C-alpha atoms as a PDB file:
ATOM      1  CA  MET A   1      51.791   5.816 -58.283  1.00  0.00           C
ATOM      2  CA  LYS A   2      53.442   4.150 -61.285  1.00  0.00           C
ATOM      3  CA  LYS A   3      56.726   5.597 -62.506  1.00  0.00           C
ATOM      4  CA  VAL A   4      57.617   5.742 -66.210  1.00  0.00           C
ATOM      5  CA  LEU A   5      60.874   6.635 -67.959  1.00  0.00           C
ATOM      6  CA  ILE A   6      60.782   8.011 -71.513  1.00  0.00           C
ATOM      7  CA  THR A   7      64.078   8.029 -73.424  1.00  0.00           C
ATOM      8  CA  GLY A   8      65.069  10.267 -76.334  1.00  0.00           C
ATOM      9  CA  ALA A   9      63.770  13.440 -74.668  1.00  0.00           C
ATOM     10  CA  GLY A  10      65.256  15.519 -77.477  1.00  0.00           C
ATOM     11  CA  GLY A  11      62.952  13.982 -80.067  1.00  0.00           C
ATOM     12  CA  ALA A  12      59.347  14.423 -81.126  1.00  0.00           C
ATOM     13  CA  ALA A  13      58.417  10.817 -80.307  1.00  0.00           C
ATOM     14  CA  ALA A  14      59.395  11.156 -76.631  1.00  0.00           C
ATOM     15  CA  ILE A  15      57.527  14.423 -76.269  1.00  0.00           C
ATOM     16  CA  SER A  16      54.498  12.806 -77.917  1.00  0.00           C
ATOM     17  CA  VAL A  17      54.507  10.054 -75.294  1.00  0.00           C
ATOM     18  CA  TYR A  18      54.945  12.655 -72.543  1.00  0.00           C
ATOM     19  CA  LYS A  19      51.916  14.623 -73.790  1.00  0.00           C
ATOM     20  CA  SER A  20      49.791  11.479 -73.631  1.00  0.00           C
ATOM     21  CA  LEU A  21      50.839  10.521 -70.112  1.00  0.00           C
ATOM     22  CA  ARG A  22      51.103  13.912 -68.390  1.00  0.00           C
ATOM     23  CA  GLU A  23      47.447  13.837 -67.338  1.00  0.00           C
ATOM     24  CA  SER A  24      47.639  10.227 -66.187  1.00  0.00           C
ATOM     25  CA  HIS A  25      48.258   9.066 -62.638  1.00  0.00           C
ATOM     26  CA  VAL A  26      51.932   8.325 -63.334  1.00  0.00           C
ATOM     27  CA  GLU A  27      55.191   9.997 -62.397  1.00  0.00           C
ATOM     28  CA  ILE A  28      57.130  10.811 -65.557  1.00  0.00           C
ATOM     29  CA  TYR A  29      60.912  10.808 -65.901  1.00  0.00           C
ATOM     30  CA  MET A  30      62.499  12.065 -69.124  1.00  0.00           C
ATOM     31  CA  ALA A  31      65.903  10.833 -70.303  1.00  0.00           C
ATOM     32  CA  ASP A  32      68.424  11.796 -72.962  1.00  0.00           C
ATOM     33  CA  MET A  33      72.182  11.738 -73.525  1.00  0.00           C
ATOM     34  CA  CYS A  34      72.177  15.541 -74.011  1.00  0.00           C
ATOM     35  CA  ASP A  35      71.462  17.864 -71.084  1.00  0.00           C
ATOM     36  CA  LYS A  36      69.915  20.412 -73.475  1.00  0.00           C
ATOM     37  CA  ALA A  37      67.248  18.009 -74.776  1.00  0.00           C
ATOM     38  CA  PRO A  38      63.961  19.982 -74.746  1.00  0.00           C
ATOM     39  CA  GLY A  39      61.911  17.176 -73.226  1.00  0.00           C
ATOM     40  CA  LEU A  40      64.020  17.196 -70.066  1.00  0.00           C
ATOM     41  CA  TYR A  41      62.659  20.632 -69.233  1.00  0.00           C
ATOM     42  CA  LEU A  42      59.051  19.476 -69.377  1.00  0.00           C
ATOM     43  CA  VAL A  43      59.508  17.732 -66.022  1.00  0.00           C
ATOM     44  CA  GLU A  44      60.885  18.798 -62.665  1.00  0.00           C
ATOM     45  CA  GLN A  45      64.640  18.778 -62.198  1.00  0.00           C
ATOM     46  CA  GLU A  46      64.597  15.631 -60.060  1.00  0.00           C
ATOM     47  CA  CYS A  47      62.836  13.808 -62.905  1.00  0.00           C
ATOM     48  CA  ARG A  48      65.521  14.529 -65.513  1.00  0.00           C
ATOM     49  CA  VAL A  49      67.876  11.687 -66.398  1.00  0.00           C
ATOM     50  CA  LEU A  50      71.117  11.754 -68.393  1.00  0.00           C
ATOM     51  CA  LEU A  51      71.952   8.554 -70.269  1.00  0.00           C
ATOM     52  CA  PRO A  52      75.123   7.376 -72.007  1.00  0.00           C
ATOM     53  CA  LYS A  53      75.050   6.936 -75.779  1.00  0.00           C
ATOM     54  CA  ALA A  54      73.220   3.828 -76.938  1.00  0.00           C
ATOM     55  CA  LYS A  55      76.469   2.565 -78.504  1.00  0.00           C
ATOM     56  CA  ASP A  56      78.241   2.750 -75.140  1.00  0.00           C
ATOM     57  CA  GLU A  57      79.110  -0.835 -74.151  1.00  0.00           C
ATOM     58  CA  ASN A  58      77.661  -0.187 -70.695  1.00  0.00           C
ATOM     59  CA  PHE A  59      74.478   1.498 -71.927  1.00  0.00           C
ATOM     60  CA  VAL A  60      72.032  -1.235 -70.891  1.00  0.00           C
ATOM     61  CA  GLU A  61      73.742  -1.874 -67.559  1.00  0.00           C
ATOM     62  CA  LYS A  62      73.580   1.832 -66.694  1.00  0.00           C
ATOM     63  CA  LEU A  63      69.981   2.111 -67.873  1.00  0.00           C
ATOM     64  CA  ILE A  64      68.915  -0.793 -65.662  1.00  0.00           C
ATOM     65  CA  LEU A  65      70.718   0.742 -62.677  1.00  0.00           C
ATOM     66  CA  ILE A  66      68.924   4.038 -63.307  1.00  0.00           C
ATOM     67  CA  CYS A  67      65.556   2.273 -63.527  1.00  0.00           C
ATOM     68  CA  GLN A  68      66.319   0.432 -60.291  1.00  0.00           C
ATOM     69  CA  SER A  69      67.332   3.582 -58.420  1.00  0.00           C
ATOM     70  CA  LEU A  70      64.187   5.424 -59.547  1.00  0.00           C
ATOM     71  CA  ASN A  71      61.859   2.420 -59.107  1.00  0.00           C
ATOM     72  CA  ILE A  72      60.718   2.699 -62.734  1.00  0.00           C
ATOM     73  CA  ASP A  73      57.730   0.507 -63.622  1.00  0.00           C
ATOM     74  CA  VAL A  74      57.456   1.143 -67.384  1.00  0.00           C
ATOM     75  CA  LEU A  75      60.208   2.090 -69.852  1.00  0.00           C
ATOM     76  CA  TYR A  76      59.340   3.818 -73.145  1.00  0.00           C
ATOM     77  CA  PRO A  77      62.373   3.731 -75.511  1.00  0.00           C
ATOM     78  CA  THR A  78      61.936   6.118 -78.467  1.00  0.00           C
ATOM     79  CA  VAL A  79      65.422   6.123 -80.052  1.00  0.00           C
ATOM     80  CA  ASP A  80      66.248   3.676 -82.854  1.00  0.00           C
ATOM     81  CA  ASP A  81      69.816   3.041 -81.650  1.00  0.00           C
ATOM     82  CA  GLU A  82      68.528   2.043 -78.209  1.00  0.00           C
ATOM     83  CA  LEU A  83      65.975  -0.512 -79.359  1.00  0.00           C
ATOM     84  CA  LEU A  84      68.162  -3.541 -80.114  1.00  0.00           C
ATOM     85  CA  PRO A  85      70.461  -3.196 -77.074  1.00  0.00           C
ATOM     86  CA  ILE A  86      67.403  -2.998 -74.823  1.00  0.00           C
ATOM     87  CA  ALA A  87      65.564  -5.848 -76.594  1.00  0.00           C
ATOM     88  CA  ASN A  88      68.696  -8.020 -76.421  1.00  0.00           C
ATOM     89  CA  ASN A  89      68.511  -7.664 -72.639  1.00  0.00           C
ATOM     90  CA  SER A  90      64.742  -7.872 -72.239  1.00  0.00           C
ATOM     91  CA  GLU A  91      64.996 -10.609 -69.599  1.00  0.00           C
ATOM     92  CA  ALA A  92      67.229  -8.418 -67.427  1.00  0.00           C
ATOM     93  CA  PHE A  93      64.564  -5.691 -67.394  1.00  0.00           C
ATOM     94  CA  LYS A  94      61.805  -8.230 -66.792  1.00  0.00           C
ATOM     95  CA  ASN A  95      63.708  -9.692 -63.852  1.00  0.00           C
ATOM     96  CA  GLU A  96      63.745  -6.225 -62.280  1.00  0.00           C
ATOM     97  CA  GLY A  97      59.985  -5.868 -62.716  1.00  0.00           C
ATOM     98  CA  ILE A  98      60.355  -3.269 -65.500  1.00  0.00           C
ATOM     99  CA  TYR A  99      57.871  -3.449 -68.377  1.00  0.00           C
ATOM    100  CA  VAL A 100      59.516  -2.281 -71.605  1.00  0.00           C
ATOM    101  CA  ALA A 101      57.396  -0.919 -74.468  1.00  0.00           C
ATOM    102  CA  ILE A 102      59.366  -2.688 -77.177  1.00  0.00           C
ATOM    103  CA  SER A 103      59.046  -5.489 -79.701  1.00  0.00           C
ATOM    104  CA  SER A 104      61.166  -8.648 -79.776  1.00  0.00           C
ATOM    105  CA  GLN A 105      64.806  -8.745 -80.825  1.00  0.00           C
ATOM    106  CA  SER A 106      64.063 -10.779 -83.976  1.00  0.00           C
ATOM    107  CA  SER A 107      61.265  -8.423 -85.039  1.00  0.00           C
ATOM    108  CA  LEU A 108      63.445  -5.356 -84.496  1.00  0.00           C
ATOM    109  CA  GLU A 109      66.281  -6.856 -86.528  1.00  0.00           C
ATOM    110  CA  LYS A 110      63.901  -7.295 -89.468  1.00  0.00           C
ATOM    111  CA  CYS A 111      62.520  -3.760 -89.221  1.00  0.00           C
ATOM    112  CA  LEU A 112      65.677  -1.765 -88.492  1.00  0.00           C
ATOM    113  CA  ASP A 113      67.475  -3.118 -91.569  1.00  0.00           C
ATOM    114  CA  LYS A 114      65.413  -1.884 -94.517  1.00  0.00           C
ATOM    115  CA  TYR A 115      66.753  -4.577 -96.855  1.00  0.00           C
ATOM    116  CA  GLU A 116      65.884  -7.334 -94.393  1.00  0.00           C
ATOM    117  CA  LEU A 117      62.458  -5.745 -94.024  1.00  0.00           C
ATOM    118  CA  MET A 118      61.858  -5.873 -97.769  1.00  0.00           C
ATOM    119  CA  GLN A 119      62.992  -9.504 -97.909  1.00  0.00           C
ATOM    120  CA  THR A 120      60.676 -10.392 -95.023  1.00  0.00           C
ATOM    121  CA  CYS A 121      57.605  -8.691 -96.514  1.00  0.00           C
ATOM    122  CA  LYS A 122      58.039  -9.367-100.234  1.00  0.00           C
ATOM    123  CA  ASP A 123      55.624 -12.305-100.277  1.00  0.00           C
ATOM    124  CA  HIS A 124      53.027 -10.612 -98.072  1.00  0.00           C
ATOM    125  CA  ILE A 125      52.354  -7.028 -99.240  1.00  0.00           C
ATOM    126  CA  PRO A 126      53.113  -4.858-102.299  1.00  0.00           C
ATOM    127  CA  LEU A 127      56.672  -3.520-102.510  1.00  0.00           C
ATOM    128  CA  GLY A 128      58.542  -1.374-104.969  1.00  0.00           C
ATOM    129  CA  GLN A 129      61.645  -2.701-106.722  1.00  0.00           C
ATOM    130  CA  PHE A 130      64.603  -2.842-104.306  1.00  0.00           C
ATOM    131  CA  ALA A 131      68.242  -3.948-104.208  1.00  0.00           C
ATOM    132  CA  ILE A 132      71.427  -3.568-102.190  1.00  0.00           C
ATOM    133  CA  PHE A 133      73.754  -0.947-103.672  1.00  0.00           C
ATOM    134  CA  ASP A 134      76.763  -3.262-103.917  1.00  0.00           C
ATOM    135  CA  ASP A 135      78.938  -4.484-106.784  1.00  0.00           C
ATOM    136  CA  ASN A 136      76.081  -6.662-108.076  1.00  0.00           C
ATOM    137  CA  PHE A 137      73.796  -3.661-108.618  1.00  0.00           C
ATOM    138  CA  THR A 138      72.979  -3.146-112.326  1.00  0.00           C
ATOM    139  CA  ALA A 139      72.033   0.465-112.976  1.00  0.00           C
ATOM    140  CA  SER A 140      70.634  -0.251-116.457  1.00  0.00           C
ATOM    141  CA  ASN A 141      67.879  -2.464-114.994  1.00  0.00           C
ATOM    142  CA  TRP A 142      66.178   0.453-113.275  1.00  0.00           C
ATOM    143  CA  THR A 143      63.721   3.171-114.215  1.00  0.00           C
ATOM    144  CA  TYR A 144      64.746   6.644-113.063  1.00  0.00           C
ATOM    145  CA  PRO A 145      64.440   8.538-110.813  1.00  0.00           C
ATOM    146  CA  LEU A 146      65.105   6.144-107.948  1.00  0.00           C
ATOM    147  CA  ILE A 147      65.796   6.436-104.229  1.00  0.00           C
ATOM    148  CA  LEU A 148      69.101   5.654-102.504  1.00  0.00           C
ATOM    149  CA  LYS A 149      68.956   5.428 -98.707  1.00  0.00           C
ATOM    150  CA  PRO A 150      70.860   3.923 -95.765  1.00  0.00           C
ATOM    151  CA  ARG A 151      69.664   0.462 -94.772  1.00  0.00           C
ATOM    152  CA  SER A 152      69.407   1.721 -91.194  1.00  0.00           C
ATOM    153  CA  GLY A 153      68.453   5.138 -89.835  1.00  0.00           C
ATOM    154  CA  ALA A 154      65.422   7.407 -89.628  1.00  0.00           C
ATOM    155  CA  GLY A 155      64.246  10.957 -90.233  1.00  0.00           C
ATOM    156  CA  SER A 156      65.110  11.108 -93.976  1.00  0.00           C
ATOM    157  CA  ARG A 157      68.828  11.283 -93.146  1.00  0.00           C
ATOM    158  CA  GLY A 158      71.079  10.158 -95.994  1.00  0.00           C
ATOM    159  CA  ILE A 159      68.303   9.755 -98.567  1.00  0.00           C
ATOM    160  CA  VAL A 160      69.260  10.706-102.129  1.00  0.00           C
ATOM    161  CA  LEU A 161      66.998  11.115-105.158  1.00  0.00           C
ATOM    162  CA  VAL A 162      68.964   9.775-108.149  1.00  0.00           C
ATOM    163  CA  ASN A 163      67.683  11.225-111.418  1.00  0.00           C
ATOM    164  CA  ASN A 164      69.584   9.167-114.008  1.00  0.00           C
ATOM    165  CA  LYS A 165      72.067   6.342-114.613  1.00  0.00           C
ATOM    166  CA  GLU A 166      74.972   8.759-115.050  1.00  0.00           C
ATOM    167  CA  GLN A 167      74.405  10.147-111.569  1.00  0.00           C
ATOM    168  CA  ILE A 168      74.337   6.765-109.846  1.00  0.00           C
ATOM    169  CA  ASP A 169      77.371   5.531-111.786  1.00  0.00           C
ATOM    170  CA  LYS A 170      79.410   8.281-110.105  1.00  0.00           C
ATOM    171  CA  LEU A 171      78.490   7.104-106.605  1.00  0.00           C
ATOM    172  CA  PRO A 172      80.695   4.599-104.746  1.00  0.00           C
ATOM    173  CA  ARG A 173      79.037   1.219-104.216  1.00  0.00           C
ATOM    174  CA  ASP A 174      78.107   0.628-100.597  1.00  0.00           C
ATOM    175  CA  PRO A 175      76.374  -2.549 -99.333  1.00  0.00           C
ATOM    176  CA  LEU A 176      75.013  -0.548 -96.398  1.00  0.00           C
ATOM    177  CA  MET A 177      72.858   1.434 -98.843  1.00  0.00           C
ATOM    178  CA  LEU A 178      69.513   0.344-100.289  1.00  0.00           C
ATOM    179  CA  VAL A 179      68.131   1.242-103.720  1.00  0.00           C
ATOM    180  CA  GLN A 180      64.355   1.564-103.983  1.00  0.00           C
ATOM    181  CA  GLU A 181      61.902   2.338-106.738  1.00  0.00           C
ATOM    182  CA  TYR A 182      60.777   5.968-106.625  1.00  0.00           C
ATOM    183  CA  LEU A 183      57.078   6.152-105.731  1.00  0.00           C
ATOM    184  CA  PRO A 184      55.523   9.469-106.832  1.00  0.00           C
ATOM    185  CA  GLY A 185      52.162   9.173-105.078  1.00  0.00           C
ATOM    186  CA  THR A 186      50.729  10.148-101.695  1.00  0.00           C
ATOM    187  CA  GLU A 187      52.726   9.105 -98.618  1.00  0.00           C
ATOM    188  CA  TYR A 188      51.100   7.608 -95.530  1.00  0.00           C
ATOM    189  CA  SER A 189      52.072   6.453 -92.060  1.00  0.00           C
ATOM    190  CA  VAL A 190      50.038   3.931 -90.130  1.00  0.00           C
ATOM    191  CA  ASP A 191      50.396   3.967 -86.347  1.00  0.00           C
ATOM    192  CA  ILE A 192      49.591   0.449 -85.218  1.00  0.00           C
ATOM    193  CA  TYR A 193      49.278  -1.315 -81.867  1.00  0.00           C
ATOM    194  CA  ILE A 194      49.664  -5.093 -81.637  1.00  0.00           C
ATOM    195  CA  ASN A 195      49.009  -6.581 -78.212  1.00  0.00           C
ATOM    196  CA  GLN A 196      51.251  -9.203 -76.633  1.00  0.00           C
ATOM    197  CA  ASN A 197      49.016 -11.963 -78.050  1.00  0.00           C
ATOM    198  CA  GLY A 198      49.623 -10.734 -81.597  1.00  0.00           C
ATOM    199  CA  GLN A 199      46.200  -9.122 -82.072  1.00  0.00           C
ATOM    200  CA  CYS A 200      45.836  -5.726 -83.730  1.00  0.00           C
ATOM    201  CA  MET A 201      44.107  -3.325 -81.333  1.00  0.00           C
ATOM    202  CA  SER A 202      44.344  -0.236 -83.523  1.00  0.00           C
ATOM    203  CA  ALA A 203      45.651   0.844 -86.928  1.00  0.00           C
ATOM    204  CA  VAL A 204      45.446   4.548 -87.737  1.00  0.00           C
ATOM    205  CA  PRO A 205      46.472   5.662 -91.254  1.00  0.00           C
ATOM    206  CA  ARG A 206      47.755   9.221 -91.559  1.00  0.00           C
ATOM    207  CA  GLU A 207      48.405  11.105 -94.787  1.00  0.00           C
ATOM    208  CA  ARG A 208      51.737  12.931 -94.612  1.00  0.00           C
ATOM    209  CA  ILE A 209      50.723  16.165 -96.333  1.00  0.00           C
ATOM    210  CA  LYS A 210      53.761  18.315 -95.510  1.00  0.00           C
ATOM    211  CA  VAL A 211      57.008  16.871 -94.167  1.00  0.00           C
ATOM    212  CA  ASP A 212      60.005  18.666 -92.645  1.00  0.00           C
ATOM    213  CA  SER A 213      63.178  16.762 -91.661  1.00  0.00           C
ATOM    214  CA  GLY A 214      61.304  13.481 -91.807  1.00  0.00           C
ATOM    215  CA  ILE A 215      58.457  14.618 -89.518  1.00  0.00           C
ATOM    216  CA  ALA A 216      54.950  15.386 -90.791  1.00  0.00           C
ATOM    217  CA  ILE A 217      54.002  18.923 -89.789  1.00  0.00           C
ATOM    218  CA  VAL A 218      50.692  18.836 -91.682  1.00  0.00           C
ATOM    219  CA  SER A 219      48.825  15.554 -91.562  1.00  0.00           C
ATOM    220  CA  LYS A 220      45.385  14.011 -91.417  1.00  0.00           C
ATOM    221  CA  THR A 221      44.032  10.664 -90.320  1.00  0.00           C
ATOM    222  CA  SER A 222      41.785   8.614 -92.569  1.00  0.00           C
ATOM    223  CA  ILE A 223      39.548   5.595 -92.247  1.00  0.00           C
ATOM    224  CA  ASP A 224      41.159   3.438 -94.922  1.00  0.00           C
ATOM    225  CA  SER A 225      40.712  -0.324 -94.606  1.00  0.00           C
ATOM    226  CA  GLU A 226      43.248  -0.982 -97.381  1.00  0.00           C
ATOM    227  CA  LEU A 227      46.093   0.788 -95.564  1.00  0.00           C
ATOM    228  CA  SER A 228      45.062  -0.598 -92.175  1.00  0.00           C
ATOM    229  CA  ASN A 229      45.054  -4.149 -93.534  1.00  0.00           C
ATOM    230  CA  LEU A 230      48.431  -3.667 -95.242  1.00  0.00           C
ATOM    231  CA  ALA A 231      49.893  -2.433 -91.963  1.00  0.00           C
ATOM    232  CA  LYS A 232      48.462  -5.446 -90.118  1.00  0.00           C
ATOM    233  CA  GLN A 233      49.967  -7.803 -92.702  1.00  0.00           C
ATOM    234  CA  ALA A 234      53.369  -6.108 -92.384  1.00  0.00           C
ATOM    235  CA  ALA A 235      53.201  -6.357 -88.592  1.00  0.00           C
ATOM    236  CA  LEU A 236      52.252 -10.035 -88.811  1.00  0.00           C
ATOM    237  CA  ALA A 237      55.072 -10.788 -91.264  1.00  0.00           C
ATOM    238  CA  THR A 238      57.692  -9.177 -89.038  1.00  0.00           C
ATOM    239  CA  GLY A 239      56.289 -10.413 -85.726  1.00  0.00           C
ATOM    240  CA  LEU A 240      55.842  -6.925 -84.284  1.00  0.00           C
ATOM    241  CA  THR A 241      54.199  -6.344 -80.919  1.00  0.00           C
ATOM    242  CA  GLY A 242      53.423  -3.067 -79.181  1.00  0.00           C
ATOM    243  CA  VAL A 243      53.609   0.208 -81.094  1.00  0.00           C
ATOM    244  CA  ALA A 244      55.018   0.690 -84.593  1.00  0.00           C
ATOM    245  CA  ASN A 245      54.850   3.249 -87.358  1.00  0.00           C
ATOM    246  CA  ILE A 246      54.505   1.690 -90.826  1.00  0.00           C
ATOM    247  CA  GLN A 247      55.067   3.895 -93.875  1.00  0.00           C
ATOM    248  CA  PHE A 248      53.608   3.484 -97.365  1.00  0.00           C
ATOM    249  CA  ARG A 249      53.599   5.451-100.600  1.00  0.00           C
ATOM    250  CA  ARG A 250      51.509   5.011-103.728  1.00  0.00           C
ATOM    251  CA  ASP A 251      53.081   4.292-107.098  1.00  0.00           C
ATOM    252  CA  ALA A 252      52.075   5.909-110.403  1.00  0.00           C
ATOM    253  CA  LEU A 253      49.084   3.542-110.649  1.00  0.00           C
ATOM    254  CA  GLY A 254      47.893   4.306-107.123  1.00  0.00           C
ATOM    255  CA  VAL A 255      49.088   1.060-105.523  1.00  0.00           C
ATOM    256  CA  ALA A 256      50.210   1.555-101.900  1.00  0.00           C
ATOM    257  CA  LYS A 257      53.657   0.021-101.351  1.00  0.00           C
ATOM    258  CA  LEU A 258      55.683  -0.428 -98.187  1.00  0.00           C
ATOM    259  CA  LEU A 259      58.519   2.047 -97.598  1.00  0.00           C
ATOM    260  CA  GLU A 260      59.758   1.188 -94.112  1.00  0.00           C
ATOM    261  CA  ILE A 261      58.766   0.372 -90.544  1.00  0.00           C
ATOM    262  CA  ASN A 262      59.760   2.377 -87.478  1.00  0.00           C
ATOM    263  CA  PRO A 263      59.221  -0.107 -84.610  1.00  0.00           C
ATOM    264  CA  ARG A 264      58.590   2.582 -82.004  1.00  0.00           C
ATOM    265  CA  PHE A 265      56.396   5.591 -81.264  1.00  0.00           C
ATOM    266  CA  SER A 266      56.183   8.169 -84.040  1.00  0.00           C
ATOM    267  CA  GLY A 267      56.706  11.916 -83.822  1.00  0.00           C
ATOM    268  CA  THR A 268      53.158  12.530 -85.047  1.00  0.00           C
ATOM    269  CA  MET A 269      51.588  10.314 -82.368  1.00  0.00           C
ATOM    270  CA  PRO A 270      49.589  13.280 -80.920  1.00  0.00           C
ATOM    271  CA  LEU A 271      47.341  13.201 -84.007  1.00  0.00           C
ATOM    272  CA  THR A 272      46.733   9.476 -83.603  1.00  0.00           C
ATOM    273  CA  ILE A 273      45.932  10.036 -79.923  1.00  0.00           C
ATOM    274  CA  ALA A 274      43.563  12.922 -80.693  1.00  0.00           C
ATOM    275  CA  ALA A 275      41.832  10.741 -83.278  1.00  0.00           C
ATOM    276  CA  GLY A 276      40.983   8.250 -80.546  1.00  0.00           C
ATOM    277  CA  ALA A 277      43.875   5.773 -80.297  1.00  0.00           C
ATOM    278  CA  ASP A 278      45.955   6.660 -77.238  1.00  0.00           C
ATOM    279  CA  MET A 279      48.740   4.139 -77.719  1.00  0.00           C
ATOM    280  CA  PRO A 280      51.038   5.275 -74.865  1.00  0.00           C
ATOM    281  CA  LYS A 281      48.157   4.625 -72.455  1.00  0.00           C
ATOM    282  CA  MET A 282      47.567   1.237 -74.104  1.00  0.00           C
ATOM    283  CA  VAL A 283      51.108   0.356 -73.049  1.00  0.00           C
ATOM    284  CA  LEU A 284      50.247   1.259 -69.446  1.00  0.00           C
ATOM    285  CA  LYS A 285      47.223  -1.049 -69.575  1.00  0.00           C
ATOM    286  CA  GLU A 286      49.240  -3.973 -70.879  1.00  0.00           C
ATOM    287  CA  ALA A 287      51.938  -3.309 -68.294  1.00  0.00           C
ATOM    288  CA  ALA A 288      49.210  -3.574 -65.623  1.00  0.00           C
ATOM    289  CA  GLN A 289      47.972  -6.802 -67.285  1.00  0.00           C
ATOM    290  CA  GLU A 290      44.656  -5.183 -68.161  1.00  0.00           C
ATOM    291  CA  SER A 291      42.838  -6.350 -71.281  1.00  0.00           C
ATOM    292  CA  LEU A 292      42.695  -4.021 -74.268  1.00  0.00           C
ATOM    293  CA  GLU A 293      39.733  -3.297 -76.479  1.00  0.00           C
ATOM    294  CA  THR A 294      39.920  -2.694 -80.221  1.00  0.00           C
ATOM    295  CA  ILE A 295      40.019   1.058 -80.846  1.00  0.00           C
ATOM    296  CA  GLU A 296      38.220   2.820 -83.667  1.00  0.00           C
ATOM    297  CA  HIS A 297      39.548   6.230 -84.720  1.00  0.00           C
ATOM    298  CA  THR A 298      38.062   9.336 -86.305  1.00  0.00           C
ATOM    299  CA  GLU A 299      39.208  11.447 -89.231  1.00  0.00           C
ATOM    300  CA  LEU A 300      41.105  14.504 -88.031  1.00  0.00           C
ATOM    301  CA  ALA A 301      43.799  16.897 -89.288  1.00  0.00           C
ATOM    302  CA  VAL A 302      46.698  18.602 -87.538  1.00  0.00           C
ATOM    303  CA  ILE A 303      48.969  21.581 -88.133  1.00  0.00           C
ATOM    304  CA  ARG A 304      52.131  21.382 -86.002  1.00  0.00           C
ATOM    305  CA  TYR A 305      54.171  24.297 -84.697  1.00  0.00           C
ATOM    306  CA  LEU A 306      56.947  25.020 -82.208  1.00  0.00           C
ATOM    307  CA  GLU A 307      56.087  25.934 -78.635  1.00  0.00           C
ATOM    308  CA  GLU A 308      58.431  27.718 -76.231  1.00  0.00           C
ATOM    309  CA  LYS A 309      59.171  26.976 -72.588  1.00  0.00           C
ATOM    310  CA  PHE A 310      61.056  29.696 -70.752  1.00  0.00           C
ATOM    311  CA  ILE A 311      63.483  28.764 -67.992  1.00  0.00           C
ATOM    312  CA  SER A 312      66.013  30.579 -65.826  1.00  0.00           C
ATOM    313  CA  ILE A 313      69.665  30.848 -66.849  1.00  0.00           C
ATOM    314  CA  ASP A 314      70.630  28.893 -63.736  1.00  0.00           C
ATOM    315  CA  GLU A 315      68.346  26.011 -64.712  1.00  0.00           C
ATOM    316  CA  LEU A 316      69.885  25.876 -68.173  1.00  0.00           C
ATOM    317  CA  ARG A 317      73.357  25.694 -66.638  1.00  0.00           C
END
């Protein structure tokens, strides 16, 4: 039986991968740096793994040792901070016979820095106006409102809606912040799977109808060739392989423009899976060197809610 390790057990993406694989013929281990991460309690105690922080200088070394001791076959990283350290050491995992569901280092560097992403994609797909919020930023050249966000990070953390020039003039310039045109239209995510040969196996657009803390809690898939093709072009421009979540929003004229790319599994992956594109299982097939077929999806909606799991006090301790 194959063994898989899913990191980021406290997040929706990890639990989404777990839900896909729990009925498969694999043994699932869940990992997180916090012993209260909800996903840890979805598996038996012997399958719970505590990791150091991704910024720990020994993070990768310890992760490899853990994978060795557990005989892990496939690693599913779901935390942004873990992606580059793991990708930077991809050969070390490969040498241990561990298949890692991750894109290349160069592709991740383009996607995880939102300014670099915009620069990479500007000649390939529609983008809103963008600039680094440094001393060269000219507030009078912009139409308000506009968006100010960290160049790295996820989950809507640190995003500010700036309503006028007076407001932005009061903010300290910071080259680690990105300014983007405010797009008032419908927001979409496209879950996409690019195989190791660079071919798109599936692209599933989802309308983000209601969002809470950066995660869509009401959403629906659509069959939209425009959005699917834009996502494929973005993936091609950045060199992505495996799973990614590509976000768009329409401007006042209805033009879909790129917002950002999360080069990992998304928190709303269960909807994509239910619509016909089971991307965590596609990873298992590629890890086993099985060929993949192009997947067509259906239109489907989802309403998300919390679900409780009750455990003993001793288990919590």
